[in-house]
């Protein structure tokens, strides 16, 4: 089955402790989510799966930012998620390479108004392995949208994080109805 690994929002503003909206940074560190993501990336490369890194961000004018969105509306005020700033750079520990695809999104879902689906279709992808932050928002949105687009969805649980463990666990329980929630060992067995 043609497979792609999708990493979500492992950017400085979100996962680094000094990030401007680092609500998940503590949980990322506590769970070792970046190291788990890198193990998933290494497996994907070994198996010649497509690796796609997604980041959320806006131009310096924040023209793409949804004005009525409670989750994004204060990004401009904090100068968070500015695509020309260091905050939207991938975390330095994440193994991003030139041959990987990079998708920029302006909403929670990596599918909304992005090139993601075109990249997946161009490569004949049937199964999507999802890893990222936050479990509650980006991971759920990606898994739900991928499911509704008829991809087989696998969530690499150790590589995901949220604001805290309770929020993360609740997300994984919900997603289990539409996705396979797997450990690294289970991913290796695919």
Foldseek 3Di string as FASTA:
>chain_A
DQEEEEEEAQFQLDQPPPHLNPLWNVQCVVLVLQVQQQLVVVLCVVVVHAYEYEHEAAALVNPLADCPDPVGNCCNVSVARHPVDRRRDRPPSHDDDPRHHYKYDHDLESPPPICVVVVCVVRVAQAYEYAYPALQTNVLNPQVVCLVVRHAYEYALSNHTYSDDVSSVVSVVVSVVRHHYDYSVVVSVD
